Amino acid sequence: MMSRARVILAAFAALVIFSGISFAATVDVSAIHGPKIKDLYMVIYRDPDSQILALKKGELDVLGDITRPVDVEQLSANSTVSLSISRGFHLFFMGFNLRKSPWNDTTLRHAASLAVPARQIVRDIFSGYSEPVSAYLPPVSPYYEPDVKKWEYSPDSARKLLKQAGWKLSADGTLIPPGGSSPLKPLKLLSPTAQVAPTTAEVSERIARALRDIGIPVSVEPLDFSTMMKRLDAHDFDQFVMAWSLTRDPDSLFAFFHSSMDVRGGYNIQGLHDKELDTVLEALRFAPDRPAAEKAARKSQKMLSELTPWIPIYSRYMVTAVRNAWKGIVSTDASSADNIWTLLNMEPADGIKRPVMWCLSDEPRSLNPLSTGSAYDWQVLGLVYDSLIAIDPETLEDTPWLSTAWKVETAGKGSGRRTRLTFTLREGVKWHDGAPFTPMDVKATLEFLKENEIPRYYDSVRDIESIDTPDGKTVIVTMKNTSFWHLHNIGGSPVFPAHILRNVKNWETWQPAREPHPSQKGLTMLVGTGPFVFREYRPGEYVHLVRNEKFWLLGGD
């Protein structure tokens, strides 16, 4: 009999072979010199039906994050588009608010986990384009731990567990807590709207129905995504559904579940506090090498499955459609075509210059790179701002970007051991407003993020001890401790211009896309070194960006 893993891989291969979906050939990122397009319109289509229609009509050139199986099958037979697929670092789950009743009761969370038919939901809704999960990292991760506590679907087992713990049912079938006389009050499951995320909305309804079936009075509260994020940031919720696009590193577990990350706007949205888990997560966060990191990552996943702050539901494949009118598309088995390398390399197949119409499936929240955690904001901001190192789309290894070279050293002895990162910066890089990029920009960025304890970046910069800029091309960052992840946390953070940061009075309410640049006509305060320059955001219509003619990959000056 084939193992479950082999069955999933076989299904994945079948999609590639029989559905008109393919991967690009080996990608040599060092040979990419772009962007080759001048204008990029990130067009806002919130409704999936409208997205598909716009793609077919030629009003969209690139449509990523295709989730509905019917759309994948339909587009795979369309001769005007090509599809790419990858096993992404994606995880969809339902989270509880552990700060208050009733979800601060572990038994109730265990019962809820038994009541949700995750495998059936995945089979019915995704038709093989996703795989059910039980752990807290996606199966594609090299740190994934399959041997965790699995809460296999069994409503009868859920009822039995609750009964043994002293839960009772009211006359109308609603659970009454142990020692209490009043049934649970109605609970709300926060979810994006069906218009924006139809599959997520359907999953949410099925979860709520399953929980009601064992006596937990849950109903779905559909919200605009930005409103939903505000509620989560303020910890004003009972339950929520969320999909994370994770990084290649498992120290995201620290950000999601360590007690210190339970702050307003922080990633520990559910408010999990567990001392034993904190100790293991700290061992993961500060692992000196890969073996130690693997050990802590696997142990923490096992503990999380017992604590159940989430109910993991599925990890899905990433599917992207690109019109055949474009060439130079970059896709690999680790990255579908909707990536920055595609934007750097794509150009019209017929040689006639024209704008790229790229789908943005919801409104940006604020375009504030300091406060927003919205994926829609970062689809835009990720093209404006750069980091010191980038990730090769095929190997997922580090590749030079704003830094051409780096060195990781361990300084000191015993309890005084420190990780020291030395970055050699790329010369000739300029900000969008023409100012030169210098080590002081890196220093100012890291100091600003640390001093203001900005939640989105706090886990990356909290352990910085000192930042030195000995010359015009070197930055030395010394950490307070040793960690296998410091290079990626520091090198992967976006860098902001020091001359802009010094004028930011309130990082939470800053609106750089709305503030005109003081000296450069046509620019806003949204100034980066990235391949594209922000021009305009028309709510409900599009975000317009233009090629950065000074971008270092173009050799501009």
Protein backbone atom coordinates (compact mmCIF):
# COMPACT_ATOMS: atom_id res chain seq x y z
CA MET A 1 0.00 0.00 0.00
CA MET A 2 1.27 3.48 -0.84
CA SER A 3 2.02 5.74 2.12
CA ARG A 4 -0.04 8.90 2.54
CA ALA A 5 2.98 11.03 1.58
CA ARG A 6 3.48 9.09 -1.64
CA VAL A 7 -0.22 9.38 -2.49
CA ILE A 8 -0.07 13.16 -2.11
CA LEU A 9 3.07 13.39 -4.22
CA ALA A 10 1.48 11.21 -6.87
CA ALA A 11 -1.59 13.45 -6.93
CA PHE A 12 0.66 16.50 -7.20
CA ALA A 13 2.51 14.97 -10.15
CA ALA A 14 -0.78 14.12 -11.83
CA LEU A 15 -1.85 17.74 -11.64
CA VAL A 16 1.33 18.79 -13.38
CA ILE A 17 1.15 16.15 -16.09
CA PHE A 18 -2.53 16.10 -16.91
CA SER A 19 -3.84 19.57 -16.13
CA GLY A 20 -1.76 21.69 -18.49
CA ILE A 21 0.29 22.94 -15.56
CA SER A 22 4.05 23.15 -15.84
CA PHE A 23 7.26 24.34 -14.27
CA ALA A 24 9.87 26.54 -15.88
CA ALA A 25 13.34 25.27 -16.62
CA THR A 26 16.23 25.84 -14.25
CA VAL A 27 16.45 29.50 -13.28
CA ASP A 28 19.74 31.37 -13.24
CA VAL A 29 18.85 34.45 -11.25
CA SER A 30 22.28 35.97 -11.86
CA ALA A 31 21.31 36.29 -15.54
CA ILE A 32 18.19 38.35 -14.79
CA HIS A 33 18.55 42.08 -15.44
CA GLY A 34 15.33 44.02 -15.08
CA PRO A 35 12.67 45.04 -14.71
CA LYS A 36 12.03 45.10 -18.44
CA ILE A 37 8.51 46.52 -18.12
CA LYS A 38 7.95 50.22 -17.56
CA ASP A 39 4.45 50.31 -16.06
CA LEU A 40 2.86 47.92 -13.58
CA TYR A 41 -0.80 48.18 -12.65
CA MET A 42 -1.84 46.06 -9.68
CA VAL A 43 -5.52 45.95 -10.53
CA ILE A 44 -7.99 45.30 -7.71
CA TYR A 45 -10.41 42.47 -8.45
CA ARG A 46 -11.87 41.17 -5.21
CA ASP A 47 -14.33 38.69 -6.68
CA PRO A 48 -12.81 35.45 -8.06
CA ASP A 49 -15.35 35.24 -10.88
CA SER A 50 -14.36 38.74 -11.97
CA GLN A 51 -10.69 37.79 -11.78
CA ILE A 52 -11.14 34.81 -14.08
CA LEU A 53 -13.26 36.81 -16.53
CA ALA A 54 -10.70 39.65 -16.61
CA LEU A 55 -7.90 37.16 -17.28
CA LYS A 56 -9.79 35.58 -20.16
CA LYS A 57 -10.62 38.98 -21.66
CA GLY A 58 -6.99 40.11 -21.47
CA GLU A 59 -7.68 42.74 -18.82
CA LEU A 60 -5.33 40.86 -16.47
CA ASP A 61 -1.95 39.42 -17.39
CA VAL A 62 -1.07 37.66 -14.14
CA LEU A 63 -3.47 36.06 -11.70
CA GLY A 64 -1.95 34.36 -8.67
CA ASP A 65 -3.38 32.56 -5.68
CA ILE A 66 -6.00 30.65 -7.67
CA THR A 67 -7.82 28.49 -5.13
CA ARG A 68 -10.98 27.08 -6.70
CA PRO A 69 -10.43 23.73 -8.43
CA VAL A 70 -13.02 24.58 -11.08
CA ASP A 71 -10.96 27.62 -12.06
CA VAL A 72 -7.75 25.62 -12.26
CA GLU A 73 -9.35 22.99 -14.48
CA GLN A 74 -10.98 25.62 -16.67
CA LEU A 75 -7.81 27.67 -17.15
CA SER A 76 -5.65 24.61 -17.79
CA ALA A 77 -7.68 24.07 -20.96
CA ASN A 78 -7.40 27.70 -22.06
CA SER A 79 -4.82 28.16 -24.84
CA THR A 80 -4.28 31.86 -24.04
CA VAL A 81 -2.83 31.26 -20.57
CA SER A 82 -0.22 29.06 -18.90
CA LEU A 83 -0.43 27.79 -15.33
CA SER A 84 2.32 27.09 -12.84
CA ILE A 85 2.01 25.22 -9.55
CA SER A 86 4.19 24.89 -6.49
CA ARG A 87 3.96 23.41 -3.01
CA GLY A 88 4.03 26.62 -1.05
CA PHE A 89 4.84 27.39 2.56
CA HIS A 90 1.14 27.84 3.23
CA LEU A 91 -0.92 26.94 6.29
CA PHE A 92 -4.65 27.52 6.87
CA PHE A 93 -6.04 27.15 10.38
CA MET A 94 -8.71 28.23 12.82
CA GLY A 95 -7.39 30.02 15.90
CA PHE A 96 -8.96 30.49 19.34
CA ASN A 97 -8.82 33.48 21.68
CA LEU A 98 -7.19 31.85 24.70
CA ARG A 99 -7.39 35.01 26.82
CA LYS A 100 -11.01 34.49 27.83
CA SER A 101 -13.77 31.94 28.29
CA PRO A 102 -14.63 29.53 26.84
CA TRP A 103 -11.54 28.89 24.70
CA ASN A 104 -9.16 29.15 27.66
CA ASP A 105 -10.40 25.63 28.44
CA THR A 106 -8.02 23.09 26.87
CA THR A 107 -10.58 20.29 26.93
CA LEU A 108 -13.03 22.36 24.90
CA ARG A 109 -10.30 23.05 22.33
CA HIS A 110 -9.52 19.34 22.12
CA ALA A 111 -13.19 18.56 21.61
CA ALA A 112 -13.45 21.20 18.90
CA SER A 113 -10.43 19.66 17.15
CA LEU A 114 -12.17 16.27 17.17
CA ALA A 115 -15.39 17.79 15.85
CA VAL A 116 -13.97 19.53 12.75
CA PRO A 117 -13.83 17.24 9.67
CA ALA A 118 -10.67 18.78 8.21
CA ARG A 119 -9.94 15.96 5.78
CA GLN A 120 -13.49 15.93 4.44
CA ILE A 121 -13.46 19.72 4.04
CA VAL A 122 -10.23 19.56 2.03
CA ARG A 123 -11.53 16.74 -0.19
CA ASP A 124 -14.86 18.43 -0.87
CA ILE A 125 -13.65 21.97 -1.48
CA PHE A 126 -10.17 21.61 -2.96
CA SER A 127 -10.46 18.38 -4.97
CA GLY A 128 -6.84 17.38 -4.39
CA TYR A 129 -5.27 20.82 -4.82
CA SER A 130 -4.54 20.97 -1.08
CA GLU A 131 -3.54 18.53 1.63
CA PRO A 132 -4.90 18.27 5.18
CA VAL A 133 -2.42 18.95 7.97
CA SER A 134 -2.14 18.21 11.67
CA ALA A 135 1.13 19.96 12.51
CA TYR A 136 2.00 23.63 12.81
CA LEU A 137 4.33 23.84 9.81
CA PRO A 138 3.43 22.94 6.21
CA PRO A 139 4.55 19.52 4.93
CA VAL A 140 6.92 21.12 2.41
CA SER A 141 9.04 22.48 5.26
CA PRO A 142 12.23 20.51 6.01
CA TYR A 143 11.37 21.05 9.69
CA TYR A 144 7.87 19.54 9.43
CA GLU A 145 7.09 17.01 12.18
CA PRO A 146 4.53 14.38 11.09
CA ASP A 147 4.53 12.50 14.41
CA VAL A 148 2.23 14.80 16.37
CA LYS A 149 -1.02 14.28 18.24
CA LYS A 150 -3.68 13.94 15.53
CA TRP A 151 -7.20 14.91 16.46
CA GLU A 152 -8.91 12.67 13.92
CA TYR A 153 -12.51 13.56 13.15
CA SER A 154 -14.89 11.95 15.65
CA PRO A 155 -17.87 13.95 17.01
CA ASP A 156 -18.72 11.06 19.32
CA SER A 157 -15.23 11.17 20.83
CA ALA A 158 -15.60 14.93 21.27
CA ARG A 159 -18.89 14.50 23.15
CA LYS A 160 -17.40 11.77 25.32
CA LEU A 161 -14.37 13.91 26.16
CA LEU A 162 -16.59 16.82 27.17
CA LYS A 163 -18.86 14.62 29.29
CA GLN A 164 -15.88 13.18 31.17
CA ALA A 165 -14.69 16.72 31.92
CA GLY A 166 -18.05 17.73 33.41
CA TRP A 167 -19.61 19.57 30.47
CA LYS A 168 -23.37 19.20 30.10
CA LEU A 169 -25.97 20.09 27.48
CA SER A 170 -28.86 22.50 27.95
CA ALA A 171 -32.37 21.72 26.76
CA ASP A 172 -31.60 23.28 23.37
CA GLY A 173 -28.36 21.32 22.98
CA THR A 174 -25.90 24.07 23.98
CA LEU A 175 -22.92 23.18 26.17
CA ILE A 176 -22.87 24.20 29.83
CA PRO A 177 -19.39 24.54 31.42
CA PRO A 178 -18.41 22.29 34.35
CA GLY A 179 -19.89 23.58 37.62
CA GLY A 180 -22.03 26.14 35.81
CA SER A 181 -25.73 26.49 35.18
CA SER A 182 -25.81 28.79 32.16
CA PRO A 183 -25.07 27.60 28.63
CA LEU A 184 -22.29 29.11 26.55
CA LYS A 185 -23.06 32.48 25.03
CA PRO A 186 -23.08 32.78 21.22
CA LEU A 187 -19.56 32.85 19.75
CA LYS A 188 -18.38 34.47 16.53
CA LEU A 189 -15.89 33.04 14.05
CA LEU A 190 -14.24 35.92 12.18
CA SER A 191 -13.78 35.21 8.49
CA PRO A 192 -13.16 37.14 5.25
CA THR A 193 -16.26 37.68 3.16
CA ALA A 194 -17.41 35.18 0.53
CA GLN A 195 -16.98 37.88 -2.11
CA VAL A 196 -13.24 38.16 -1.43
CA ALA A 197 -12.44 34.60 -0.31
CA PRO A 198 -15.24 32.18 -1.25
CA THR A 199 -13.38 29.00 -0.31
CA THR A 200 -12.36 30.45 3.06
CA ALA A 201 -15.95 31.51 3.70
CA GLU A 202 -17.16 28.00 2.92
CA VAL A 203 -14.54 26.41 5.16
CA SER A 204 -15.60 28.79 7.95
CA GLU A 205 -19.25 27.82 7.59
CA ARG A 206 -18.37 24.13 7.74
CA ILE A 207 -16.26 24.63 10.85
CA ALA A 208 -19.06 26.55 12.57
CA ARG A 209 -21.60 23.87 11.63
CA ALA A 210 -19.36 21.12 13.01
CA LEU A 211 -18.88 22.97 16.30
CA ARG A 212 -22.62 23.61 16.67
CA ASP A 213 -23.14 19.88 16.17
CA ILE A 214 -21.41 19.17 19.51
CA GLY A 215 -23.09 22.05 21.33
CA ILE A 216 -20.72 24.98 20.80
CA PRO A 217 -22.86 27.95 19.64
CA VAL A 218 -20.66 29.32 16.85
CA SER A 219 -21.72 31.42 13.86
CA VAL A 220 -19.57 33.05 11.20
CA GLU A 221 -19.04 36.81 11.19
CA PRO A 222 -17.88 37.80 7.67
CA LEU A 223 -15.71 40.90 7.64
CA ASP A 224 -13.73 43.02 5.25
CA PHE A 225 -10.15 41.82 5.62
CA SER A 226 -8.81 45.13 6.95
CA THR A 227 -11.62 45.29 9.53
CA MET A 228 -10.95 41.72 10.53
CA MET A 229 -7.24 42.48 11.03
CA LYS A 230 -8.10 45.46 13.24
CA ARG A 231 -10.28 43.23 15.40
CA LEU A 232 -7.52 40.64 15.68
CA ASP A 233 -4.90 43.28 16.47
CA ALA A 234 -7.16 44.56 19.26
CA HIS A 235 -7.82 40.97 20.51
CA ASP A 236 -11.55 41.57 20.01
CA PHE A 237 -12.66 38.13 18.86
CA ASP A 238 -13.66 34.61 19.90
CA GLN A 239 -12.25 32.62 16.98
CA PHE A 240 -10.77 33.40 13.58
CA VAL A 241 -9.62 31.70 10.42
CA MET A 242 -6.35 32.68 8.82
CA ALA A 243 -3.94 31.57 6.14
CA TRP A 244 -0.25 32.28 6.61
CA SER A 245 2.33 32.33 3.84
CA LEU A 246 5.30 31.25 5.89
CA THR A 247 9.01 31.63 5.32
CA ARG A 248 11.50 28.84 4.80
CA ASP A 249 12.61 29.12 8.46
CA PRO A 250 10.63 27.46 11.29
CA ASP A 251 11.41 30.16 13.84
CA SER A 252 8.04 31.61 12.80
CA LEU A 253 6.79 29.28 15.54
CA PHE A 254 8.46 31.59 18.06
CA ALA A 255 6.67 34.63 16.63
CA PHE A 256 3.30 32.87 16.60
CA PHE A 257 3.37 31.18 19.99
CA HIS A 258 5.96 32.62 22.38
CA SER A 259 4.39 34.53 25.28
CA SER A 260 6.46 37.65 24.58
CA MET A 261 4.84 37.99 21.16
CA ASP A 262 1.36 38.45 22.67
CA VAL A 263 1.24 42.21 22.13
CA ARG A 264 -1.22 44.42 20.29
CA GLY A 265 -0.62 43.82 16.60
CA GLY A 266 1.76 40.94 17.36
CA TYR A 267 1.73 37.53 15.69
CA ASN A 268 0.68 35.62 18.82
CA ILE A 269 -2.89 36.55 17.93
CA GLN A 270 -4.46 33.77 20.00
CA GLY A 271 -2.63 34.81 23.18
CA LEU A 272 -0.94 31.50 24.03
CA HIS A 273 1.13 31.55 27.23
CA ASP A 274 2.91 28.34 28.24
CA LYS A 275 6.21 28.37 30.12
CA GLU A 276 7.37 24.94 28.98
CA LEU A 277 6.62 25.77 25.36
CA ASP A 278 8.38 29.13 25.74
CA THR A 279 11.54 27.30 26.81
CA VAL A 280 11.46 25.07 23.72
CA LEU A 281 10.66 27.99 21.43
CA GLU A 282 13.60 29.90 22.88
CA ALA A 283 15.80 26.89 22.12
CA LEU A 284 14.49 27.09 18.54
CA ARG A 285 14.87 30.85 18.27
CA PHE A 286 18.43 30.79 19.60
CA ALA A 287 19.58 27.48 18.14
CA PRO A 288 23.32 27.72 17.35
CA ASP A 289 23.14 25.28 14.43
CA ARG A 290 20.75 23.30 12.24
CA PRO A 291 20.62 20.06 14.32
CA ALA A 292 19.63 22.04 17.40
CA ALA A 293 17.07 23.99 15.38
CA GLU A 294 15.53 20.79 13.98
CA LYS A 295 15.25 19.23 17.43
CA ALA A 296 13.50 22.26 18.92
CA ALA A 297 11.22 22.74 15.89
CA ARG A 298 10.00 19.15 16.06
CA LYS A 299 9.49 19.18 19.82
CA SER A 300 7.57 22.47 19.73
CA GLN A 301 5.21 21.11 17.04
CA LYS A 302 4.42 18.11 19.24
CA MET A 303 3.71 20.37 22.21
CA LEU A 304 1.53 22.68 20.15
CA SER A 305 -0.59 19.78 18.98
CA GLU A 306 -1.35 19.01 22.63
CA LEU A 307 -1.98 22.65 23.56
CA THR A 308 -4.12 23.22 20.43
CA PRO A 309 -4.09 27.03 20.13
CA TRP A 310 -5.11 26.38 16.51
CA ILE A 311 -6.89 23.71 14.55
CA PRO A 312 -4.63 23.25 11.50
CA ILE A 313 -6.81 22.55 8.45
CA TYR A 314 -4.78 22.40 5.24
CA SER A 315 -1.77 23.47 3.23
CA ARG A 316 -2.51 24.21 -0.39
CA TYR A 317 -0.61 24.32 -3.61
CA MET A 318 0.10 27.69 -5.18
CA VAL A 319 -1.37 28.08 -8.68
CA THR A 320 -0.73 31.10 -10.93
CA ALA A 321 -2.01 31.91 -14.41
CA VAL A 322 -0.05 34.11 -16.86
CA ARG A 323 -1.22 35.12 -20.31
CA ASN A 324 0.91 33.68 -23.10
CA ALA A 325 1.46 37.18 -24.47
CA TRP A 326 4.36 37.42 -21.98
CA LYS A 327 7.71 35.67 -21.91
CA GLY A 328 10.44 35.44 -19.27
CA ILE A 329 8.12 34.01 -16.63
CA VAL A 330 9.95 32.51 -13.65
CA SER A 331 8.38 29.51 -11.90
CA THR A 332 9.90 26.56 -10.07
CA ASP A 333 8.69 23.68 -7.94
CA ALA A 334 9.25 25.98 -4.95
CA SER A 335 7.71 29.14 -6.40
CA SER A 336 4.74 29.74 -8.69
CA ALA A 337 4.97 32.47 -11.30
CA ASP A 338 3.58 35.38 -9.23
CA ASN A 339 6.94 36.38 -7.78
CA ILE A 340 9.34 39.29 -7.98
CA TRP A 341 11.68 37.37 -10.30
CA THR A 342 8.90 37.18 -12.88
CA LEU A 343 8.38 40.93 -12.60
CA LEU A 344 12.09 41.50 -13.11
CA ASN A 345 12.31 39.21 -16.12
CA MET A 346 8.97 39.31 -17.98
CA GLU A 347 8.49 41.17 -21.25
CA PRO A 348 5.99 41.16 -24.13
CA ALA A 349 6.44 38.14 -26.40
CA ASP A 350 5.79 40.28 -29.48
CA GLY A 351 8.24 43.00 -28.41
CA ILE A 352 5.55 45.70 -28.27
CA LYS A 353 5.92 47.58 -24.98
CA ARG A 354 2.83 47.75 -22.79
CA PRO A 355 1.88 47.78 -19.09
CA VAL A 356 1.52 44.63 -17.04
CA MET A 357 -1.87 44.13 -15.40
CA TRP A 358 -1.27 42.15 -12.21
CA CYS A 359 -4.20 41.07 -10.01
CA LEU A 360 -4.44 42.39 -6.46
CA SER A 361 -7.30 40.50 -4.85
CA ASP A 362 -8.11 43.01 -2.12
CA GLU A 363 -7.49 46.61 -1.12
CA PRO A 364 -4.21 47.50 0.58
CA ARG A 365 -4.85 48.43 4.22
CA SER A 366 -2.58 51.43 4.57
CA LEU A 367 0.66 51.01 2.54
CA ASN A 368 2.47 51.78 5.77
CA PRO A 369 5.52 49.45 5.76
CA LEU A 370 6.02 49.95 9.49
CA SER A 371 2.62 48.84 10.72
CA THR A 372 0.81 46.76 8.15
CA GLY A 373 0.81 42.99 8.20
CA SER A 374 -1.57 42.69 5.26
CA ALA A 375 -0.40 40.44 2.42
CA TYR A 376 -2.09 42.81 -0.03
CA ASP A 377 -0.06 45.75 1.22
CA TRP A 378 3.13 43.74 0.96
CA GLN A 379 2.44 42.68 -2.61
CA VAL A 380 2.94 46.39 -3.33
CA LEU A 381 5.51 47.28 -0.68
CA GLY A 382 7.70 44.30 -1.55
CA LEU A 383 8.34 45.91 -4.94
CA VAL A 384 9.22 49.28 -3.41
CA TYR A 385 11.58 48.18 -0.63
CA ASP A 386 14.60 45.87 -0.74
CA SER A 387 16.45 43.81 1.85
CA LEU A 388 20.13 42.97 2.22
CA ILE A 389 19.73 39.41 0.98
CA ALA A 390 17.18 37.74 -1.29
CA ILE A 391 16.07 34.13 -1.81
CA ASP A 392 16.82 32.10 -4.91
CA PRO A 393 13.39 31.01 -6.26
CA GLU A 394 14.61 27.53 -7.12
CA THR A 395 17.04 26.52 -4.39
CA LEU A 396 15.60 28.76 -1.63
CA GLU A 397 19.19 29.57 -0.70
CA ASP A 398 20.43 33.07 0.13
CA THR A 399 21.44 35.25 -2.80
CA PRO A 400 23.06 38.73 -2.82
CA TRP A 401 20.82 41.79 -3.04
CA LEU A 402 21.55 45.11 -1.33
CA SER A 403 24.43 43.23 0.23
CA THR A 404 26.92 41.57 -2.11
CA ALA A 405 28.58 39.50 0.60
CA TRP A 406 28.15 38.66 4.27
CA LYS A 407 29.99 36.89 7.03
CA VAL A 408 28.52 35.17 10.10
CA GLU A 409 30.85 34.83 13.09
CA THR A 410 30.58 33.85 16.72
CA ALA A 411 32.33 36.29 19.02
CA GLY A 412 33.07 35.86 22.72
CA LYS A 413 33.09 32.78 24.93
CA GLY A 414 30.72 30.95 27.22
CA SER A 415 27.69 33.01 28.25
CA GLY A 416 29.20 35.95 26.39
CA ARG A 417 28.97 34.31 22.97
CA ARG A 418 27.46 36.58 20.32
CA THR A 419 26.52 36.26 16.66
CA ARG A 420 28.23 38.92 14.59
CA LEU A 421 26.95 39.68 11.07
CA THR A 422 29.12 41.63 8.66
CA PHE A 423 27.43 42.87 5.47
CA THR A 424 29.25 44.36 2.50
CA LEU A 425 26.81 46.71 0.77
CA ARG A 426 26.33 46.99 -2.96
CA GLU A 427 27.87 50.18 -4.31
CA GLY A 428 26.04 52.66 -6.51
CA VAL A 429 22.54 51.90 -5.20
CA LYS A 430 20.22 54.89 -4.94
CA TRP A 431 16.88 55.58 -3.34
CA HIS A 432 13.97 56.46 -5.60
CA ASP A 433 14.53 60.15 -4.87
CA GLY A 434 18.17 59.95 -5.97
CA ALA A 435 19.77 59.94 -2.52
CA PRO A 436 22.64 57.42 -2.20
CA PHE A 437 22.07 54.20 -0.26
CA THR A 438 24.62 53.99 2.58
CA PRO A 439 25.35 51.94 5.71
CA MET A 440 23.62 54.66 7.72
CA ASP A 441 20.31 53.68 6.12
CA VAL A 442 20.70 50.12 7.38
CA LYS A 443 21.72 51.37 10.83
CA ALA A 444 18.84 53.86 11.02
CA THR A 445 16.33 51.22 9.94
CA LEU A 446 17.38 48.64 12.49
CA GLU A 447 17.60 51.18 15.30
CA PHE A 448 14.17 52.63 14.46
CA LEU A 449 12.53 49.20 14.41
CA LYS A 450 14.10 48.19 17.69
CA GLU A 451 13.62 51.46 19.60
CA ASN A 452 9.94 51.63 18.64
CA GLU A 453 9.37 47.91 19.32
CA ILE A 454 7.36 47.66 16.10
CA PRO A 455 5.45 44.35 16.32
CA ARG A 456 5.95 43.25 12.72
CA TYR A 457 9.76 43.44 13.08
CA TYR A 458 10.27 43.14 16.81
CA ASP A 459 11.19 39.46 16.79
CA SER A 460 13.90 40.13 14.19
CA VAL A 461 15.56 43.12 15.84
CA ARG A 462 14.94 42.68 19.56
CA ASP A 463 18.31 40.99 20.16
CA ILE A 464 20.51 43.56 18.45
CA GLU A 465 23.31 44.67 20.76
CA SER A 466 25.17 47.09 18.49
CA ILE A 467 25.37 48.32 14.90
CA ASP A 468 28.65 49.59 13.52
CA THR A 469 29.39 51.29 10.19
CA PRO A 470 33.21 51.34 9.97
CA ASP A 471 33.27 52.63 6.38
CA GLY A 472 31.07 53.56 3.45
CA LYS A 473 30.20 50.02 2.44
CA THR A 474 30.16 47.90 5.61
CA VAL A 475 27.56 47.24 8.32
CA ILE A 476 28.40 45.10 11.34
CA VAL A 477 25.46 43.93 13.45
CA THR A 478 26.32 42.27 16.75
CA MET A 479 23.53 40.37 18.51
CA LYS A 480 23.12 39.78 22.24
CA ASN A 481 23.18 36.04 21.74
CA THR A 482 23.80 33.33 19.17
CA SER A 483 21.18 32.08 16.74
CA PHE A 484 21.04 30.14 13.51
CA TRP A 485 18.34 32.60 12.32
CA HIS A 486 19.94 36.00 12.93
CA LEU A 487 21.27 36.23 9.37
CA HIS A 488 17.82 35.79 7.83
CA ASN A 489 16.07 38.00 10.38
CA ILE A 490 18.43 40.93 9.85
CA GLY A 491 19.33 40.32 6.23
CA GLY A 492 15.72 39.66 5.22
CA SER A 493 14.18 42.79 6.77
CA PRO A 494 13.33 45.66 4.42
CA VAL A 495 15.65 48.68 4.57
CA PHE A 496 14.16 52.19 4.79
CA PRO A 497 15.86 55.51 3.95
CA ALA A 498 17.30 57.29 6.98
CA HIS A 499 16.32 60.69 5.57
CA ILE A 500 12.66 59.59 5.48
CA LEU A 501 12.60 57.78 8.82
CA ARG A 502 13.88 60.78 10.73
CA ASN A 503 10.68 62.65 9.80
CA VAL A 504 8.27 59.91 10.91
CA LYS A 505 6.49 61.22 14.00
CA ASN A 506 4.06 58.34 14.61
CA TRP A 507 4.94 55.06 12.92
CA GLU A 508 1.48 53.58 13.57
CA THR A 509 -0.45 56.31 11.77
CA TRP A 510 2.16 57.20 9.13
CA GLN A 511 0.68 57.38 5.62
CA PRO A 512 3.72 57.58 3.31
CA ALA A 513 1.72 56.88 0.13
CA ARG A 514 -0.41 59.98 0.80
CA GLU A 515 2.38 62.35 1.76
CA PRO A 516 4.11 64.15 -1.14
CA HIS A 517 7.89 64.05 -1.22
CA PRO A 518 9.28 67.42 -0.05
CA SER A 519 11.66 67.88 -2.99
CA GLN A 520 10.84 65.38 -5.76
CA LYS A 521 7.73 66.14 -7.79
CA GLY A 522 5.67 63.05 -8.55
CA LEU A 523 7.06 61.09 -5.61
CA THR A 524 5.49 60.37 -2.24
CA MET A 525 7.24 59.47 1.01
CA LEU A 526 6.98 55.82 -0.06
CA VAL A 527 10.63 55.82 -1.11
CA GLY A 528 12.66 52.63 -1.46
CA THR A 529 15.50 51.14 -3.48
CA GLY A 530 13.28 48.47 -5.04
CA PRO A 531 12.65 47.78 -8.74
CA PHE A 532 9.42 49.79 -8.86
CA VAL A 533 8.43 53.29 -7.81
CA PHE A 534 5.01 54.00 -6.32
CA ARG A 535 2.95 56.45 -8.34
CA GLU A 536 -0.72 56.23 -7.40
CA TYR A 537 -3.31 54.24 -5.49
CA ARG A 538 -6.92 54.53 -6.57
CA PRO A 539 -9.08 52.63 -4.05
CA GLY A 540 -11.27 50.07 -5.73
CA GLU A 541 -9.33 50.36 -8.99
CA TYR A 542 -5.56 49.89 -8.96
CA VAL A 543 -2.10 50.65 -7.60
CA HIS A 544 0.18 52.07 -10.28
CA LEU A 545 3.95 51.58 -10.11
CA VAL A 546 6.62 52.43 -12.66
CA ARG A 547 10.06 51.02 -13.30
CA ASN A 548 12.82 52.37 -11.10
CA GLU A 549 15.25 53.63 -13.73
CA LYS A 550 17.92 53.87 -11.01
CA PHE A 551 17.53 50.22 -10.01
CA TRP A 552 20.92 48.57 -9.62
CA LEU A 553 20.04 45.54 -11.75
CA LEU A 554 19.47 47.92 -14.67
CA GLY A 555 22.83 49.58 -14.11
CA GLY A 556 21.02 52.92 -13.80
CA ASP A 557 22.53 55.95 -12.12
